[in-house]
Amino acid sequence: MSTQLKPQTSTIVSIANPVFQSGYDSGRNWCFYGDFPGAIVTDEQVIDFIKDNILELDRENLLPEERLIDNIAFLIGWVSGSIVPEGKESHANAQ
């Protein structure tokens, strides 16, 4: 199943928080230049990311709010690469 953006849409998230923007950009970079550039993210990868980078860190009291925001934004940015191709992302921030 392929997801299509509306023709006028170039982002899946309107971003106002600079920590979120940084994590989101890092996730998109990982999607396009990481271990498997351009690969579709699987549900197993998403679950593993959440377990390793959110749940486990929280259990160990190593997840302050800023890191939580960054990690969630990374995940969304990483997944967005499957929907919004590289170079098509708009950085229109919320006002």
N, C-alpha and C. Protein backbone atom coordinates (compact mmCIF):
# COMPACT_ATOMS: atom_id res chain seq x y z
N MET A 1 0.84 -1.18 0.00
CA MET A 1 0.00 0.00 0.00
C MET A 1 0.89 1.24 0.00
N SER A 2 0.68 2.11 -0.94
CA SER A 2 1.47 3.32 -1.07
C SER A 2 0.67 4.51 -0.58
N THR A 3 1.32 5.38 0.17
CA THR A 3 0.67 6.58 0.68
C THR A 3 1.10 7.76 -0.18
N GLN A 4 0.16 8.53 -0.63
CA GLN A 4 0.45 9.70 -1.45
C GLN A 4 0.12 10.97 -0.68
N LEU A 5 1.00 11.97 -0.80
CA LEU A 5 0.70 13.26 -0.22
C LEU A 5 -0.27 14.01 -1.11
N LYS A 6 -1.03 14.90 -0.53
CA LYS A 6 -1.85 15.79 -1.32
C LYS A 6 -0.90 16.59 -2.22
N PRO A 7 -1.32 16.95 -3.42
CA PRO A 7 -0.40 17.62 -4.36
C PRO A 7 0.29 18.86 -3.80
N GLN A 8 -0.36 19.62 -2.97
CA GLN A 8 0.21 20.85 -2.43
C GLN A 8 1.04 20.62 -1.16
N THR A 9 1.13 19.37 -0.71
CA THR A 9 1.80 19.06 0.55
C THR A 9 3.23 18.61 0.31
N SER A 10 4.17 19.16 1.10
CA SER A 10 5.56 18.75 0.95
C SER A 10 6.19 18.36 2.29
N THR A 11 5.37 18.20 3.30
CA THR A 11 5.86 17.75 4.60
C THR A 11 4.73 17.02 5.32
N ILE A 12 5.10 16.12 6.22
CA ILE A 12 4.04 15.43 6.97
C ILE A 12 3.84 16.04 8.35
N VAL A 13 4.75 16.95 8.75
CA VAL A 13 4.66 17.58 10.07
C VAL A 13 5.01 19.06 9.93
N SER A 14 4.20 19.92 10.50
CA SER A 14 4.54 21.34 10.58
C SER A 14 5.32 21.53 11.87
N ILE A 15 6.56 22.00 11.75
CA ILE A 15 7.49 22.01 12.89
C ILE A 15 7.78 23.42 13.37
N ALA A 16 7.63 23.63 14.69
CA ALA A 16 7.98 24.90 15.31
C ALA A 16 9.09 24.74 16.35
N ASN A 17 9.27 23.53 16.87
CA ASN A 17 10.24 23.27 17.94
C ASN A 17 11.61 22.96 17.34
N PRO A 18 12.66 23.72 17.70
CA PRO A 18 13.99 23.48 17.11
C PRO A 18 14.58 22.11 17.46
N VAL A 19 14.28 21.57 18.62
CA VAL A 19 14.77 20.23 18.97
C VAL A 19 14.09 19.20 18.07
N PHE A 20 12.78 19.36 17.87
CA PHE A 20 12.06 18.46 16.97
C PHE A 20 12.63 18.57 15.56
N GLN A 21 12.88 19.79 15.09
CA GLN A 21 13.43 20.00 13.74
C GLN A 21 14.76 19.28 13.58
N SER A 22 15.61 19.39 14.58
CA SER A 22 16.93 18.73 14.52
C SER A 22 16.79 17.21 14.44
N GLY A 23 15.95 16.64 15.29
CA GLY A 23 15.73 15.19 15.27
C GLY A 23 15.10 14.73 13.98
N TYR A 24 14.14 15.50 13.49
CA TYR A 24 13.46 15.17 12.23
C TYR A 24 14.45 15.17 11.07
N ASP A 25 15.29 16.21 11.01
CA ASP A 25 16.30 16.30 9.95
C ASP A 25 17.28 15.13 10.04
N SER A 26 17.67 14.77 11.26
CA SER A 26 18.58 13.64 11.45
C SER A 26 17.94 12.33 10.96
N GLY A 27 16.66 12.15 11.25
CA GLY A 27 15.95 10.97 10.80
C GLY A 27 15.85 10.89 9.29
N ARG A 28 15.58 12.02 8.66
CA ARG A 28 15.53 12.04 7.19
C ARG A 28 16.91 11.75 6.61
N ASN A 29 17.95 12.32 7.20
CA ASN A 29 19.30 12.04 6.72
C ASN A 29 19.61 10.55 6.86
N TRP A 30 19.19 9.94 7.97
CA TRP A 30 19.41 8.51 8.16
C TRP A 30 18.68 7.71 7.09
N CYS A 31 17.46 8.13 6.76
CA CYS A 31 16.68 7.43 5.74
C CYS A 31 17.42 7.41 4.40
N PHE A 32 18.02 8.54 4.04
CA PHE A 32 18.64 8.66 2.72
C PHE A 32 20.12 8.27 2.69
N TYR A 33 20.80 8.31 3.83
CA TYR A 33 22.25 8.07 3.83
C TYR A 33 22.71 7.08 4.88
N GLY A 34 21.79 6.46 5.62
CA GLY A 34 22.15 5.53 6.70
C GLY A 34 22.55 4.17 6.15
N ASP A 35 22.40 3.15 6.97
CA ASP A 35 22.82 1.80 6.61
C ASP A 35 22.15 1.26 5.34
N PHE A 36 20.88 1.60 5.13
CA PHE A 36 20.13 1.10 3.98
C PHE A 36 19.43 2.26 3.29
N PRO A 37 20.18 3.10 2.57
CA PRO A 37 19.60 4.31 1.97
C PRO A 37 18.37 4.04 1.13
N GLY A 38 17.31 4.80 1.42
CA GLY A 38 16.09 4.75 0.64
C GLY A 38 15.19 3.56 0.90
N ALA A 39 15.58 2.67 1.80
CA ALA A 39 14.76 1.49 2.07
C ALA A 39 13.48 1.88 2.81
N ILE A 40 12.41 1.17 2.53
CA ILE A 40 11.15 1.36 3.24
C ILE A 40 11.35 0.89 4.68
N VAL A 41 10.89 1.67 5.63
CA VAL A 41 11.01 1.32 7.04
C VAL A 41 9.94 0.28 7.36
N THR A 42 10.34 -0.78 8.04
CA THR A 42 9.39 -1.84 8.38
C THR A 42 8.80 -1.61 9.77
N ASP A 43 7.68 -2.28 10.02
CA ASP A 43 7.08 -2.19 11.35
C ASP A 43 8.03 -2.73 12.41
N GLU A 44 8.78 -3.76 12.09
CA GLU A 44 9.74 -4.32 13.03
C GLU A 44 10.82 -3.29 13.40
N GLN A 45 11.29 -2.53 12.42
CA GLN A 45 12.28 -1.49 12.70
C GLN A 45 11.70 -0.39 13.58
N VAL A 46 10.46 -0.02 13.33
CA VAL A 46 9.81 1.01 14.15
C VAL A 46 9.67 0.52 15.59
N ILE A 47 9.20 -0.70 15.76
CA ILE A 47 9.03 -1.27 17.10
C ILE A 47 10.38 -1.35 17.82
N ASP A 48 11.40 -1.84 17.13
CA ASP A 48 12.74 -1.92 17.74
C ASP A 48 13.25 -0.54 18.13
N PHE A 49 13.03 0.46 17.27
CA PHE A 49 13.47 1.81 17.59
C PHE A 49 12.79 2.32 18.85
N ILE A 50 11.48 2.12 18.94
CA ILE A 50 10.73 2.58 20.12
C ILE A 50 11.22 1.86 21.37
N LYS A 51 11.42 0.56 21.28
CA LYS A 51 11.91 -0.20 22.44
C LYS A 51 13.28 0.29 22.88
N ASP A 52 14.21 0.42 21.92
CA ASP A 52 15.60 0.74 22.25
C ASP A 52 15.84 2.21 22.58
N ASN A 53 15.12 3.11 21.90
CA ASN A 53 15.42 4.53 22.01
C ASN A 53 14.41 5.33 22.83
N ILE A 54 13.35 4.68 23.26
CA ILE A 54 12.37 5.37 24.10
C ILE A 54 12.10 4.56 25.36
N LEU A 55 11.57 3.36 25.20
CA LEU A 55 11.17 2.57 26.37
C LEU A 55 12.36 2.20 27.26
N GLU A 56 13.43 1.67 26.65
CA GLU A 56 14.59 1.26 27.44
C GLU A 56 15.26 2.46 28.12
N LEU A 57 15.41 3.56 27.41
CA LEU A 57 16.02 4.75 28.01
C LEU A 57 15.16 5.29 29.15
N ASP A 58 13.84 5.24 28.97
CA ASP A 58 12.95 5.70 30.03
C ASP A 58 13.06 4.82 31.27
N ARG A 59 13.12 3.51 31.06
CA ARG A 59 13.28 2.57 32.19
C ARG A 59 14.56 2.86 32.98
N GLU A 60 15.59 3.28 32.27
CA GLU A 60 16.89 3.56 32.91
C GLU A 60 17.00 5.02 33.37
N ASN A 61 15.90 5.76 33.30
CA ASN A 61 15.88 7.18 33.66
C ASN A 61 16.91 7.99 32.89
N LEU A 62 17.05 7.67 31.59
CA LEU A 62 17.99 8.36 30.72
C LEU A 62 17.28 9.08 29.58
N LEU A 63 16.04 9.48 29.83
CA LEU A 63 15.25 10.08 28.77
C LEU A 63 14.61 11.40 29.21
N PRO A 64 15.42 12.46 29.30
CA PRO A 64 14.83 13.76 29.60
C PRO A 64 13.95 14.20 28.42
N GLU A 65 13.09 15.15 28.67
CA GLU A 65 12.10 15.57 27.67
C GLU A 65 12.74 15.95 26.33
N GLU A 66 13.84 16.67 26.36
CA GLU A 66 14.47 17.09 25.11
C GLU A 66 14.93 15.88 24.28
N ARG A 67 15.48 14.89 24.95
CA ARG A 67 15.91 13.68 24.23
C ARG A 67 14.70 12.90 23.71
N LEU A 68 13.64 12.85 24.48
CA LEU A 68 12.41 12.20 24.03
C LEU A 68 11.90 12.86 22.75
N ILE A 69 11.84 14.18 22.74
CA ILE A 69 11.38 14.92 21.56
C ILE A 69 12.29 14.62 20.38
N ASP A 70 13.59 14.66 20.59
CA ASP A 70 14.55 14.38 19.52
C ASP A 70 14.37 12.97 18.97
N ASN A 71 14.22 11.99 19.84
CA ASN A 71 14.08 10.60 19.40
C ASN A 71 12.78 10.37 18.63
N ILE A 72 11.69 10.95 19.11
CA ILE A 72 10.42 10.82 18.40
C ILE A 72 10.50 11.50 17.04
N ALA A 73 11.09 12.67 17.01
CA ALA A 73 11.23 13.41 15.75
C ALA A 73 12.12 12.64 14.76
N PHE A 74 13.19 12.02 15.27
CA PHE A 74 14.05 11.20 14.42
C PHE A 74 13.23 10.10 13.76
N LEU A 75 12.43 9.41 14.56
CA LEU A 75 11.61 8.32 14.04
C LEU A 75 10.66 8.83 12.95
N ILE A 76 10.00 9.94 13.19
CA ILE A 76 9.07 10.49 12.21
C ILE A 76 9.82 10.92 10.95
N GLY A 77 10.97 11.55 11.12
CA GLY A 77 11.77 11.95 9.96
C GLY A 77 12.24 10.76 9.16
N TRP A 78 12.68 9.72 9.85
CA TRP A 78 13.14 8.50 9.20
C TRP A 78 12.02 7.87 8.37
N VAL A 79 10.85 7.74 8.97
CA VAL A 79 9.71 7.15 8.28
C VAL A 79 9.23 8.05 7.13
N SER A 80 9.34 9.36 7.31
CA SER A 80 8.85 10.28 6.27
C SER A 80 9.59 10.13 4.96
N GLY A 81 10.82 9.62 5.00
CA GLY A 81 11.56 9.43 3.76
C GLY A 81 10.88 8.48 2.80
N SER A 82 10.04 7.61 3.31
CA SER A 82 9.28 6.69 2.47
C SER A 82 8.10 7.39 1.80
N ILE A 83 7.72 8.55 2.34
CA ILE A 83 6.54 9.26 1.86
C ILE A 83 6.91 10.52 1.08
N VAL A 84 7.86 11.28 1.63
CA VAL A 84 8.30 12.53 1.01
C VAL A 84 9.73 12.30 0.53
N PRO A 85 9.94 12.21 -0.78
CA PRO A 85 11.28 11.92 -1.30
C PRO A 85 12.30 13.00 -0.93
N GLU A 86 13.56 12.60 -0.95
CA GLU A 86 14.65 13.54 -0.68
C GLU A 86 14.55 14.71 -1.63
N GLY A 87 14.77 15.91 -1.10
CA GLY A 87 14.72 17.12 -1.92
C GLY A 87 13.32 17.69 -2.06
N LYS A 88 12.30 16.95 -1.66
CA LYS A 88 10.91 17.43 -1.77
C LYS A 88 10.39 17.98 -0.44
N GLU A 89 11.17 17.81 0.64
CA GLU A 89 10.73 18.22 1.97
C GLU A 89 10.72 19.74 2.08
N SER A 90 9.66 20.27 2.57
CA SER A 90 9.55 21.70 2.84
C SER A 90 9.85 21.93 4.31
N HIS A 91 10.56 22.98 4.60
CA HIS A 91 10.83 23.30 6.00
C HIS A 91 9.97 24.47 6.45
N ALA A 92 8.74 24.47 5.97
CA ALA A 92 7.78 25.50 6.37
C ALA A 92 7.43 25.26 7.84
N ASN A 93 7.92 26.10 8.70
CA ASN A 93 7.66 25.95 10.12
C ASN A 93 6.33 26.59 10.51
N ALA A 94 5.75 26.06 11.56
CA ALA A 94 4.50 26.62 12.07
C ALA A 94 4.78 27.99 12.66
N GLN A 95 3.87 28.87 12.50
CA GLN A 95 4.03 30.23 13.04
C GLN A 95 3.18 30.42 14.25
